[in-house]
Amino acid sequence: MRLRFLKPVNGWAGFLTELAIVVLGVLIALGAQQLIDNWQGKRDVAAFRSAVDTELAQNMRAYQKRIEQSACVASRLDQLEAWHREWQDGSGPTLTSTIGRPLAFSLNFDVWQTGSAMIVGRMPLKPRLAYAGLYSSLETYDMLRFREVAVWQTMYAYDGAVRLSGPEVNSLRGLILSARTIDRSMRINLPGLIEEAAKLGIDPSRFEGDVPMDTGLCGPLKARA
C-alpha cells in the first residue's frame, strides 16, 4: 500500500531516465579509470623491463669478464699441478712469485628484487618465467664465484712455501681440482645464459671496452730449488 504513495516528482519514466544516466556515468568513469590504470601499468612494466634488461646485461658482462680469464686460470692450474708433482716425494722448489687468483666481479639483483613483488606479476607469463630463469642462472654463477674466491684464497697459503707436509700436498691437489671444476661449470653455463637472454633482446656486448684486468695469473709461476 505504501508503494502507491512513492511517486517521483517527474514520474517513473523521468526517474528511470535519470537513474540510467547516473549508472552510465559511473560505468564510464570506472571504464576510464580502468583504461588509465592499464596504460599506467603497461608503462610501469615497460620501464621495469628496460631497467631489468640493463641490469641483466651488466651482470652477464661481469660473467663474461670472469670467463675471459679462464685461459690464464687453466695455465696457472697446470703450473700448480706441476709444482704439486714435484712435492709428492716430500721435497720440491719454493715459489718465488705469487699464485694470484681470477677476479670475481660482483652482480646486482636490486632492480629485479625491487620490482618483483608489484610489477613482475603484471607481465605475461612467458617473459616473466624467462626473466626468472635468467636470474636463477646468475644466482648459480654468484654461488660459484664465491666458492672460487674461497678456493683461491686458500691457495694463498702456498705462496713462498719452503716445505710442504703430506697433508698440505694432498690439500693442494684438492684445491687444484676444485678450481678446475668451478671454472668448467662457469664456462659451460654461460653460452646457454646468453642464448636465452638474446631471446629477450638483451645484449651484454654493449658494455664492452673494459679496463684490462691484472689477475696475476697469466705470467709464469716462478720457483727456486
Protein backbone atom coordinates (compact mmCIF):
# COMPACT_ATOMS: atom_id res chain seq x y z
CA MET A 1 0.00 0.00 0.00
CA ARG A 2 2.83 2.38 0.83
CA LEU A 3 4.33 1.96 -2.65
CA ARG A 4 1.30 3.70 -4.10
CA PHE A 5 2.36 6.93 -2.40
CA LEU A 6 6.02 6.69 -3.58
CA LYS A 7 5.88 8.57 -6.83
CA PRO A 8 8.88 10.50 -8.25
CA VAL A 9 8.38 14.18 -8.92
CA ASN A 10 8.99 13.75 -12.67
CA GLY A 11 7.23 10.43 -12.83
CA TRP A 12 8.65 6.98 -13.11
CA ALA A 13 9.80 7.46 -16.68
CA GLY A 14 11.83 10.52 -15.75
CA PHE A 15 13.22 8.78 -12.66
CA LEU A 16 14.36 5.76 -14.63
CA THR A 17 15.96 8.02 -17.23
CA GLU A 18 17.90 9.90 -14.56
CA LEU A 19 18.92 6.64 -12.91
CA ALA A 20 20.16 5.27 -16.23
CA ILE A 21 22.20 8.44 -16.78
CA VAL A 22 23.79 8.14 -13.33
CA VAL A 23 24.60 4.44 -13.80
CA LEU A 24 26.01 5.10 -17.27
CA GLY A 25 28.15 7.92 -15.90
CA VAL A 26 29.53 5.66 -13.15
CA LEU A 27 30.28 2.93 -15.68
CA ILE A 28 32.05 5.39 -17.97
CA ALA A 29 34.10 6.73 -15.06
CA LEU A 30 35.06 3.21 -13.98
CA GLY A 31 35.94 2.26 -17.54
CA ALA A 32 38.05 5.39 -17.98
CA GLN A 33 39.86 4.68 -14.71
CA GLN A 34 40.48 1.10 -15.81
CA LEU A 35 41.96 2.33 -19.10
CA ILE A 36 44.21 4.76 -17.23
CA ASP A 37 45.31 2.02 -14.83
CA ASN A 38 46.05 -0.35 -17.71
CA TRP A 39 48.01 2.35 -19.54
CA GLN A 40 49.98 3.21 -16.41
CA GLY A 41 50.55 -0.49 -15.72
CA LYS A 42 51.96 -1.01 -19.20
CA ARG A 43 54.23 2.00 -18.75
CA ASP A 44 55.46 0.64 -15.41
CA VAL A 45 56.14 -2.79 -16.90
CA ALA A 46 57.98 -1.29 -19.88
CA ALA A 47 60.13 0.91 -17.63
CA PHE A 48 60.81 -2.00 -15.31
CA ARG A 49 61.79 -4.31 -18.15
CA SER A 50 64.15 -1.67 -19.53
CA ALA A 51 65.85 -1.39 -16.14
CA VAL A 52 65.96 -5.18 -15.73
CA ASP A 53 67.41 -5.61 -19.23
CA THR A 54 70.21 -3.20 -18.34
CA GLU A 55 70.87 -4.95 -15.03
CA LEU A 56 70.95 -8.36 -16.72
CA ALA A 57 73.26 -7.12 -19.49
CA GLN A 58 75.67 -5.71 -16.92
CA ASN A 59 75.57 -8.92 -14.90
CA MET A 60 76.24 -11.06 -17.95
CA ARG A 61 79.11 -8.79 -18.95
CA ALA A 62 80.57 -9.30 -15.47
CA TYR A 63 80.17 -13.05 -16.02
CA GLN A 64 81.89 -12.79 -19.41
CA LYS A 65 84.76 -10.83 -17.86
CA ARG A 66 85.35 -13.73 -15.49
CA ILE A 67 85.26 -16.29 -18.33
CA GLU A 68 87.77 -14.21 -20.29
CA GLN A 69 90.26 -15.12 -17.55
CA SER A 70 89.73 -18.87 -17.97
CA ALA A 71 92.73 -19.40 -20.26
CA CYS A 72 95.05 -17.89 -17.66
CA VAL A 73 93.27 -19.80 -14.90
CA ALA A 74 93.90 -23.09 -16.72
CA SER A 75 97.54 -22.15 -17.32
CA ARG A 76 98.09 -21.31 -13.66
CA LEU A 77 96.44 -24.53 -12.51
CA ASP A 78 98.68 -26.51 -14.90
CA GLN A 79 101.71 -24.82 -13.33
CA LEU A 80 100.47 -25.51 -9.81
CA GLU A 81 99.84 -29.12 -10.73
CA ALA A 82 103.41 -29.45 -12.00
CA TRP A 83 104.68 -27.86 -8.75
CA HIS A 84 102.48 -30.24 -6.78
CA ARG A 85 104.00 -33.26 -8.54
CA GLU A 86 107.49 -32.12 -7.54
CA TRP A 87 106.43 -32.10 -3.89
CA GLN A 88 104.88 -35.56 -3.93
CA ASP A 89 108.21 -37.17 -2.97
CA GLY A 90 108.50 -34.93 0.09
CA SER A 91 110.65 -32.14 -1.33
CA GLY A 92 110.30 -29.52 -4.02
CA PRO A 93 111.09 -25.96 -5.10
CA THR A 94 109.96 -22.82 -3.28
CA LEU A 95 107.55 -20.48 -5.04
CA THR A 96 109.05 -17.06 -5.59
CA SER A 97 106.05 -15.48 -7.33
CA THR A 98 102.52 -15.07 -6.09
CA ILE A 99 99.87 -17.51 -7.22
CA GLY A 100 97.25 -14.84 -7.91
CA ARG A 101 93.58 -15.55 -8.46
CA PRO A 102 90.83 -14.83 -11.00
CA LEU A 103 88.88 -11.64 -10.43
CA ALA A 104 85.26 -12.24 -9.47
CA PHE A 105 83.10 -9.31 -10.47
CA SER A 106 80.04 -8.69 -8.32
CA LEU A 107 76.49 -8.93 -9.64
CA ASN A 108 73.46 -6.72 -8.96
CA PHE A 109 69.95 -8.00 -8.29
CA ASP A 110 68.46 -4.75 -6.95
CA VAL A 111 66.12 -3.94 -9.85
CA TRP A 112 64.69 -7.45 -10.07
CA GLN A 113 64.18 -7.78 -6.32
CA THR A 114 62.67 -4.30 -6.00
CA GLY A 115 60.05 -4.77 -8.69
CA SER A 116 59.33 -8.48 -8.33
CA ALA A 117 56.57 -8.03 -5.75
CA MET A 118 54.47 -5.49 -7.66
CA ILE A 119 55.39 -5.19 -11.33
CA VAL A 120 56.58 -8.65 -12.33
CA GLY A 121 53.10 -10.00 -11.68
CA ARG A 122 51.75 -7.74 -14.43
CA MET A 123 54.00 -9.30 -17.06
CA PRO A 124 52.73 -12.04 -19.35
CA LEU A 125 53.70 -15.47 -18.05
CA LYS A 126 56.25 -16.33 -20.76
CA PRO A 127 58.61 -13.34 -20.33
CA ARG A 128 58.11 -13.48 -16.56
CA LEU A 129 59.39 -17.07 -16.50
CA ALA A 130 62.21 -16.17 -18.89
CA TYR A 131 63.45 -13.38 -16.63
CA ALA A 132 63.18 -15.60 -13.57
CA GLY A 133 65.25 -18.28 -15.34
CA LEU A 134 67.98 -15.78 -16.23
CA TYR A 135 68.26 -14.56 -12.67
CA SER A 136 68.29 -18.14 -11.41
CA SER A 137 71.28 -18.86 -13.67
CA LEU A 138 73.04 -15.74 -12.43
CA GLU A 139 72.45 -16.81 -8.84
CA THR A 140 74.15 -20.11 -9.68
CA TYR A 141 77.14 -18.21 -11.08
CA ASP A 142 77.16 -15.99 -7.98
CA MET A 143 77.40 -19.09 -5.79
CA LEU A 144 80.23 -20.47 -7.95
CA ARG A 145 82.23 -17.24 -7.86
CA PHE A 146 82.10 -17.11 -4.06
CA ARG A 147 83.28 -20.72 -3.90
CA GLU A 148 86.04 -19.89 -6.37
CA VAL A 149 87.23 -16.94 -4.30
CA ALA A 150 87.40 -19.18 -1.23
CA VAL A 151 89.43 -21.85 -3.08
CA TRP A 152 91.99 -19.42 -4.49
CA GLN A 153 92.32 -17.52 -1.22
CA THR A 154 93.08 -20.83 0.49
CA MET A 155 95.85 -21.37 -2.07
CA TYR A 156 97.42 -18.08 -0.93
CA ALA A 157 98.88 -20.10 1.96
CA TYR A 158 101.22 -21.78 -0.54
CA ASP A 159 102.83 -18.51 -1.66
CA GLY A 160 106.53 -18.71 -0.76
CA ALA A 161 106.12 -22.14 0.85
CA VAL A 162 109.52 -23.59 1.79
CA ARG A 163 108.31 -27.00 2.90
CA LEU A 164 105.04 -28.85 2.43
CA SER A 165 103.80 -31.59 4.70
CA GLY A 166 101.99 -34.64 3.37
CA PRO A 167 98.53 -33.27 4.28
CA GLU A 168 99.41 -29.94 2.67
CA VAL A 169 100.41 -31.70 -0.56
CA ASN A 170 97.12 -33.59 -0.56
CA SER A 171 95.17 -30.41 0.23
CA LEU A 172 96.82 -28.60 -2.67
CA ARG A 173 95.70 -31.36 -5.02
CA GLY A 174 92.12 -30.97 -3.81
CA LEU A 175 92.23 -27.21 -4.27
CA ILE A 176 93.50 -27.55 -7.83
CA LEU A 177 90.72 -30.00 -8.69
CA SER A 178 88.10 -27.75 -7.07
CA ALA A 179 89.33 -24.73 -9.01
CA ARG A 180 89.21 -26.66 -12.30
CA THR A 181 85.68 -27.93 -11.61
CA ILE A 182 84.37 -24.47 -10.74
CA ASP A 183 85.93 -22.92 -13.84
CA ARG A 184 84.46 -25.67 -16.01
CA SER A 185 80.97 -25.17 -14.57
CA MET A 186 81.18 -21.43 -15.18
CA ARG A 187 82.23 -21.90 -18.78
CA ILE A 188 79.55 -24.48 -19.52
CA ASN A 189 76.70 -22.38 -18.13
CA LEU A 190 77.46 -19.06 -19.85
CA PRO A 191 76.53 -19.86 -23.50
CA GLY A 192 73.03 -21.01 -22.55
CA LEU A 193 72.52 -17.89 -20.45
CA ILE A 194 73.49 -15.60 -23.33
CA GLU A 195 71.29 -17.54 -25.74
CA GLU A 196 68.22 -17.23 -23.50
CA ALA A 197 68.91 -13.54 -22.85
CA ALA A 198 69.11 -12.86 -26.59
CA LYS A 199 65.52 -14.07 -26.94
CA LEU A 200 64.52 -11.10 -24.77
CA GLY A 201 66.72 -8.71 -26.74
CA ILE A 202 69.37 -8.46 -24.01
CA ASP A 203 72.91 -7.94 -25.32
CA PRO A 204 75.83 -7.75 -22.85
CA SER A 205 78.24 -6.68 -25.59
CA ARG A 206 77.11 -3.05 -25.24
CA PHE A 207 79.18 -2.92 -22.05
CA GLU A 208 82.43 -3.97 -23.74
CA GLY A 209 85.60 -1.88 -23.64
CA ASP A 210 86.51 -2.52 -20.02
CA VAL A 211 89.84 -1.69 -18.42
CA PRO A 212 92.34 -4.56 -18.89
CA MET A 213 92.43 -6.90 -15.91
CA ASP A 214 95.61 -7.73 -13.99
CA THR A 215 94.87 -11.04 -12.32
CA GLY A 216 98.46 -12.12 -11.76
CA LEU A 217 97.62 -15.46 -13.40
CA CYS A 218 98.89 -15.05 -16.95
CA GLY A 219 102.61 -14.92 -16.22
CA PRO A 220 104.80 -17.91 -15.36
CA LEU A 221 104.81 -19.33 -11.85
CA LYS A 222 108.39 -18.88 -10.66
CA ALA A 223 110.15 -21.20 -8.24
CA ARG A 224 113.67 -21.91 -6.99
CA ALA A 225 115.17 -25.15 -5.76
